[in-house]
Amino acid sequence: MNKIKAIVLDVDGVIVGDKAGFNAPYPPTEVINKLKQMREKGIYVILCSAKPYYSVKKIVDDAQLNNIQTALAGAILINPSNLTVVKKHVINNEIAVNLVKKFLTKFY
């Protein structure tokens, strides 16, 4: 029985780096294969990125990570099988505008 139920991995700077042809703009094949093996063993593999979902979609598809994924720094949860947003964590526009105004008033 597998004691590990899920693993959450940062993508930017971890799975995808800045070494062109090695880990950029896409992870090495060995990494994709390991992600796929973990999922095949029943471990949920959740990729985290501050970028939009399409930036990790190829990794999710190639590694067959068919469980819920996150994007936009956790602001959305996406079902990769049908690309639907399962949950959103969005800051209200009025709150965001007020925060920016307070910041600008205080520091500028």
N, C-alpha and C. Protein backbone atom coordinates (compact mmCIF):
# COMPACT_ATOMS: atom_id res chain seq x y z
N MET A 1 0.84 -1.19 0.00
CA MET A 1 0.00 0.00 0.00
C MET A 1 0.88 1.25 0.00
N ASN A 2 0.48 2.20 -0.78
CA ASN A 2 1.25 3.43 -0.93
C ASN A 2 0.89 4.41 0.19
N LYS A 3 1.88 4.84 0.96
CA LYS A 3 1.62 5.79 2.03
C LYS A 3 1.50 7.23 1.51
N ILE A 4 2.15 7.49 0.40
CA ILE A 4 2.08 8.84 -0.19
C ILE A 4 0.81 8.92 -1.03
N LYS A 5 -0.04 9.89 -0.71
CA LYS A 5 -1.32 10.05 -1.42
C LYS A 5 -1.24 11.11 -2.51
N ALA A 6 -0.43 12.14 -2.27
CA ALA A 6 -0.34 13.24 -3.24
C ALA A 6 1.01 13.93 -3.09
N ILE A 7 1.43 14.54 -4.16
CA ILE A 7 2.65 15.35 -4.16
C ILE A 7 2.35 16.63 -4.93
N VAL A 8 2.75 17.75 -4.34
CA VAL A 8 2.53 19.05 -4.95
C VAL A 8 3.91 19.59 -5.35
N LEU A 9 4.05 19.93 -6.63
CA LEU A 9 5.35 20.35 -7.15
C LEU A 9 5.28 21.73 -7.79
N ASP A 10 6.23 22.56 -7.46
CA ASP A 10 6.36 23.84 -8.13
C ASP A 10 6.94 23.59 -9.52
N VAL A 11 6.47 24.30 -10.51
CA VAL A 11 6.93 24.11 -11.88
C VAL A 11 8.05 25.09 -12.21
N ASP A 12 7.81 26.35 -12.01
CA ASP A 12 8.72 27.41 -12.45
C ASP A 12 10.00 27.43 -11.62
N GLY A 13 11.11 27.11 -12.28
CA GLY A 13 12.39 27.10 -11.59
C GLY A 13 12.69 25.78 -10.91
N VAL A 14 11.76 24.84 -10.95
CA VAL A 14 11.98 23.54 -10.32
C VAL A 14 11.90 22.44 -11.39
N ILE A 15 10.70 22.17 -11.89
CA ILE A 15 10.55 21.18 -12.96
C ILE A 15 11.02 21.77 -14.29
N VAL A 16 10.68 23.01 -14.51
CA VAL A 16 11.14 23.73 -15.69
C VAL A 16 12.13 24.78 -15.22
N GLY A 17 13.32 24.74 -15.79
CA GLY A 17 14.36 25.67 -15.38
C GLY A 17 14.73 26.63 -16.49
N ASP A 18 16.00 27.01 -16.50
CA ASP A 18 16.44 27.99 -17.50
C ASP A 18 17.60 27.48 -18.36
N LYS A 19 17.84 26.18 -18.36
CA LYS A 19 18.90 25.60 -19.17
C LYS A 19 18.30 25.09 -20.48
N ALA A 20 18.39 25.93 -21.51
CA ALA A 20 17.80 25.60 -22.81
C ALA A 20 18.29 24.25 -23.30
N GLY A 21 17.34 23.44 -23.74
CA GLY A 21 17.66 22.13 -24.24
C GLY A 21 17.78 21.06 -23.16
N PHE A 22 17.88 21.48 -21.90
CA PHE A 22 17.94 20.52 -20.81
C PHE A 22 16.64 20.53 -20.00
N ASN A 23 16.31 21.67 -19.42
CA ASN A 23 15.06 21.77 -18.65
C ASN A 23 14.24 23.01 -19.02
N ALA A 24 14.52 23.55 -20.17
CA ALA A 24 13.76 24.70 -20.67
C ALA A 24 13.65 24.60 -22.18
N PRO A 25 12.54 24.89 -22.73
CA PRO A 25 11.32 25.37 -22.09
C PRO A 25 10.44 24.25 -21.54
N TYR A 26 10.96 23.02 -21.54
CA TYR A 26 10.18 21.84 -21.15
C TYR A 26 11.07 20.93 -20.31
N PRO A 27 10.51 20.22 -19.35
CA PRO A 27 11.32 19.33 -18.51
C PRO A 27 11.93 18.17 -19.31
N PRO A 28 13.01 17.61 -18.80
CA PRO A 28 13.60 16.44 -19.46
C PRO A 28 12.62 15.26 -19.48
N THR A 29 12.80 14.37 -20.42
CA THR A 29 11.96 13.19 -20.57
C THR A 29 11.92 12.37 -19.28
N GLU A 30 13.06 12.27 -18.60
CA GLU A 30 13.12 11.49 -17.35
C GLU A 30 12.15 12.05 -16.31
N VAL A 31 12.02 13.36 -16.24
CA VAL A 31 11.11 13.99 -15.27
C VAL A 31 9.67 13.66 -15.64
N ILE A 32 9.33 13.80 -16.91
CA ILE A 32 7.97 13.47 -17.37
C ILE A 32 7.65 12.02 -17.05
N ASN A 33 8.60 11.13 -17.31
CA ASN A 33 8.37 9.71 -17.05
C ASN A 33 8.17 9.43 -15.56
N LYS A 34 8.93 10.09 -14.70
CA LYS A 34 8.77 9.91 -13.25
C LYS A 34 7.42 10.43 -12.77
N LEU A 35 6.99 11.57 -13.30
CA LEU A 35 5.67 12.10 -12.94
C LEU A 35 4.58 11.11 -13.34
N LYS A 36 4.72 10.58 -14.54
CA LYS A 36 3.74 9.60 -15.04
C LYS A 36 3.74 8.34 -14.17
N GLN A 37 4.91 7.85 -13.77
CA GLN A 37 5.01 6.67 -12.92
C GLN A 37 4.35 6.90 -11.56
N MET A 38 4.56 8.09 -11.00
CA MET A 38 3.93 8.39 -9.72
C MET A 38 2.41 8.34 -9.84
N ARG A 39 1.89 8.94 -10.91
CA ARG A 39 0.43 8.95 -11.11
C ARG A 39 -0.10 7.54 -11.32
N GLU A 40 0.66 6.73 -12.07
CA GLU A 40 0.25 5.34 -12.31
C GLU A 40 0.21 4.54 -11.01
N LYS A 41 1.00 4.94 -10.03
CA LYS A 41 1.01 4.27 -8.72
C LYS A 41 -0.10 4.78 -7.81
N GLY A 42 -0.95 5.66 -8.35
CA GLY A 42 -2.08 6.16 -7.57
C GLY A 42 -1.80 7.42 -6.77
N ILE A 43 -0.63 8.01 -6.99
CA ILE A 43 -0.28 9.25 -6.29
C ILE A 43 -0.79 10.43 -7.12
N TYR A 44 -1.54 11.31 -6.49
CA TYR A 44 -1.99 12.52 -7.17
C TYR A 44 -0.80 13.46 -7.30
N VAL A 45 -0.52 13.89 -8.52
CA VAL A 45 0.57 14.82 -8.77
C VAL A 45 -0.05 16.15 -9.18
N ILE A 46 0.17 17.17 -8.35
CA ILE A 46 -0.41 18.48 -8.58
C ILE A 46 0.72 19.46 -8.89
N LEU A 47 0.65 20.07 -10.05
CA LEU A 47 1.66 21.04 -10.46
C LEU A 47 1.20 22.45 -10.10
N CYS A 48 2.09 23.23 -9.56
CA CYS A 48 1.77 24.61 -9.18
C CYS A 48 2.58 25.58 -10.03
N SER A 49 1.90 26.58 -10.52
CA SER A 49 2.56 27.63 -11.29
C SER A 49 1.81 28.94 -11.09
N ALA A 50 2.56 30.01 -11.11
CA ALA A 50 1.92 31.32 -11.06
C ALA A 50 1.38 31.70 -12.44
N LYS A 51 1.76 30.94 -13.43
CA LYS A 51 1.36 31.20 -14.82
C LYS A 51 -0.02 30.59 -15.09
N PRO A 52 -0.61 30.95 -16.24
CA PRO A 52 -1.89 30.35 -16.63
C PRO A 52 -1.73 28.84 -16.87
N TYR A 53 -2.84 28.12 -16.83
CA TYR A 53 -2.83 26.67 -16.97
C TYR A 53 -2.16 26.21 -18.26
N TYR A 54 -2.36 26.92 -19.36
CA TYR A 54 -1.79 26.46 -20.63
C TYR A 54 -0.27 26.32 -20.56
N SER A 55 0.38 27.00 -19.62
CA SER A 55 1.84 26.89 -19.51
C SER A 55 2.28 25.53 -18.96
N VAL A 56 1.40 24.81 -18.28
CA VAL A 56 1.74 23.48 -17.76
C VAL A 56 0.94 22.37 -18.45
N LYS A 57 0.04 22.73 -19.35
CA LYS A 57 -0.85 21.76 -19.97
C LYS A 57 -0.08 20.63 -20.67
N LYS A 58 0.99 20.94 -21.38
CA LYS A 58 1.76 19.91 -22.09
C LYS A 58 2.37 18.92 -21.10
N ILE A 59 2.88 19.42 -19.98
CA ILE A 59 3.45 18.54 -18.95
C ILE A 59 2.35 17.63 -18.39
N VAL A 60 1.20 18.22 -18.07
CA VAL A 60 0.06 17.46 -17.53
C VAL A 60 -0.37 16.39 -18.53
N ASP A 61 -0.50 16.76 -19.78
CA ASP A 61 -0.93 15.81 -20.82
C ASP A 61 0.10 14.70 -21.02
N ASP A 62 1.36 15.08 -21.18
CA ASP A 62 2.41 14.09 -21.47
C ASP A 62 2.64 13.13 -20.30
N ALA A 63 2.53 13.62 -19.07
CA ALA A 63 2.72 12.78 -17.89
C ALA A 63 1.41 12.11 -17.46
N GLN A 64 0.34 12.38 -18.17
CA GLN A 64 -0.98 11.82 -17.91
C GLN A 64 -1.43 12.06 -16.46
N LEU A 65 -1.29 13.31 -16.06
CA LEU A 65 -1.70 13.73 -14.71
C LEU A 65 -3.18 14.09 -14.77
N ASN A 66 -4.02 13.08 -14.63
CA ASN A 66 -5.46 13.24 -14.85
C ASN A 66 -6.21 13.70 -13.60
N ASN A 67 -5.50 14.22 -12.61
CA ASN A 67 -6.16 14.73 -11.41
C ASN A 67 -6.20 16.26 -11.47
N ILE A 68 -6.95 16.85 -10.55
CA ILE A 68 -7.10 18.31 -10.51
C ILE A 68 -5.74 18.99 -10.44
N GLN A 69 -5.59 20.07 -11.19
CA GLN A 69 -4.36 20.86 -11.22
C GLN A 69 -4.67 22.30 -10.81
N THR A 70 -3.63 23.04 -10.47
CA THR A 70 -3.80 24.42 -10.08
C THR A 70 -2.99 25.33 -11.00
N ALA A 71 -3.39 26.58 -11.09
CA ALA A 71 -2.67 27.56 -11.91
C ALA A 71 -2.94 28.95 -11.35
N LEU A 72 -2.28 29.92 -11.93
CA LEU A 72 -2.42 31.31 -11.50
C LEU A 72 -2.18 31.47 -10.00
N ALA A 73 -1.08 30.84 -9.54
CA ALA A 73 -0.66 30.90 -8.14
C ALA A 73 -1.74 30.39 -7.19
N GLY A 74 -2.46 29.38 -7.63
CA GLY A 74 -3.49 28.79 -6.79
C GLY A 74 -4.85 29.44 -6.90
N ALA A 75 -4.98 30.43 -7.77
CA ALA A 75 -6.26 31.13 -7.90
C ALA A 75 -7.33 30.26 -8.55
N ILE A 76 -6.91 29.27 -9.34
CA ILE A 76 -7.90 28.38 -9.96
C ILE A 76 -7.47 26.92 -9.83
N LEU A 77 -8.47 26.07 -9.77
CA LEU A 77 -8.27 24.62 -9.83
C LEU A 77 -8.95 24.15 -11.11
N ILE A 78 -8.24 23.32 -11.87
CA ILE A 78 -8.72 22.91 -13.19
C ILE A 78 -8.77 21.40 -13.29
N ASN A 79 -9.85 20.90 -13.90
CA ASN A 79 -9.95 19.49 -14.24
C ASN A 79 -9.32 19.33 -15.63
N PRO A 80 -8.17 18.67 -15.74
CA PRO A 80 -7.49 18.59 -17.03
C PRO A 80 -8.20 17.73 -18.07
N SER A 81 -9.12 16.86 -17.64
CA SER A 81 -9.80 16.00 -18.60
C SER A 81 -10.78 16.76 -19.48
N ASN A 82 -11.38 17.83 -18.95
CA ASN A 82 -12.31 18.61 -19.76
C ASN A 82 -12.03 20.11 -19.72
N LEU A 83 -10.91 20.48 -19.09
CA LEU A 83 -10.45 21.88 -19.00
C LEU A 83 -11.46 22.82 -18.35
N THR A 84 -12.22 22.28 -17.40
CA THR A 84 -13.17 23.14 -16.68
C THR A 84 -12.53 23.63 -15.38
N VAL A 85 -12.91 24.84 -15.01
CA VAL A 85 -12.45 25.41 -13.75
C VAL A 85 -13.34 24.84 -12.65
N VAL A 86 -12.74 24.13 -11.73
CA VAL A 86 -13.46 23.48 -10.65
C VAL A 86 -13.72 24.47 -9.51
N LYS A 87 -12.73 25.32 -9.25
CA LYS A 87 -12.86 26.29 -8.17
C LYS A 87 -11.99 27.50 -8.47
N LYS A 88 -12.51 28.68 -8.07
CA LYS A 88 -11.77 29.93 -8.23
C LYS A 88 -11.56 30.58 -6.88
N HIS A 89 -10.41 31.17 -6.71
CA HIS A 89 -10.11 31.96 -5.52
C HIS A 89 -9.71 33.35 -6.04
N VAL A 90 -10.70 34.18 -6.25
CA VAL A 90 -10.47 35.48 -6.88
C VAL A 90 -10.72 36.61 -5.89
N ILE A 91 -9.82 37.59 -5.90
CA ILE A 91 -10.00 38.77 -5.05
C ILE A 91 -11.00 39.70 -5.73
N ASN A 92 -11.96 40.17 -4.97
CA ASN A 92 -12.95 41.11 -5.47
C ASN A 92 -12.25 42.34 -6.05
N ASN A 93 -12.70 42.82 -7.20
CA ASN A 93 -12.08 43.97 -7.88
C ASN A 93 -12.00 45.20 -6.99
N GLU A 94 -13.06 45.48 -6.26
CA GLU A 94 -13.08 46.67 -5.40
C GLU A 94 -11.99 46.56 -4.31
N ILE A 95 -11.84 45.39 -3.74
CA ILE A 95 -10.81 45.19 -2.72
C ILE A 95 -9.42 45.37 -3.33
N ALA A 96 -9.21 44.81 -4.50
CA ALA A 96 -7.91 44.93 -5.17
C ALA A 96 -7.58 46.39 -5.48
N VAL A 97 -8.54 47.13 -6.00
CA VAL A 97 -8.33 48.55 -6.32
C VAL A 97 -8.00 49.33 -5.05
N ASN A 98 -8.75 49.10 -3.98
CA ASN A 98 -8.49 49.80 -2.72
C ASN A 98 -7.11 49.48 -2.16
N LEU A 99 -6.69 48.24 -2.25
CA LEU A 99 -5.36 47.86 -1.79
C LEU A 99 -4.27 48.58 -2.58
N VAL A 100 -4.42 48.64 -3.88
CA VAL A 100 -3.44 49.33 -4.72
C VAL A 100 -3.41 50.82 -4.38
N LYS A 101 -4.57 51.42 -4.22
CA LYS A 101 -4.63 52.85 -3.86
C LYS A 101 -3.93 53.11 -2.53
N LYS A 102 -4.17 52.27 -1.53
CA LYS A 102 -3.52 52.43 -0.23
C LYS A 102 -2.02 52.28 -0.35
N PHE A 103 -1.60 51.32 -1.12
CA PHE A 103 -0.16 51.10 -1.33
C PHE A 103 0.47 52.33 -1.98
N LEU A 104 -0.17 52.82 -3.04
CA LEU A 104 0.39 53.98 -3.76
C LEU A 104 0.41 55.22 -2.88
N THR A 105 -0.63 55.41 -2.07
CA THR A 105 -0.69 56.56 -1.17
C THR A 105 0.41 56.48 -0.12
N LYS A 106 0.63 55.32 0.41
CA LYS A 106 1.61 55.14 1.49
C LYS A 106 3.05 55.24 0.99
N PHE A 107 3.34 54.70 -0.19
CA PHE A 107 4.71 54.61 -0.64
C PHE A 107 5.10 55.59 -1.75
N TYR A 108 4.15 56.37 -2.26
CA TYR A 108 4.51 57.30 -3.35
C TYR A 108 3.94 58.66 -3.09
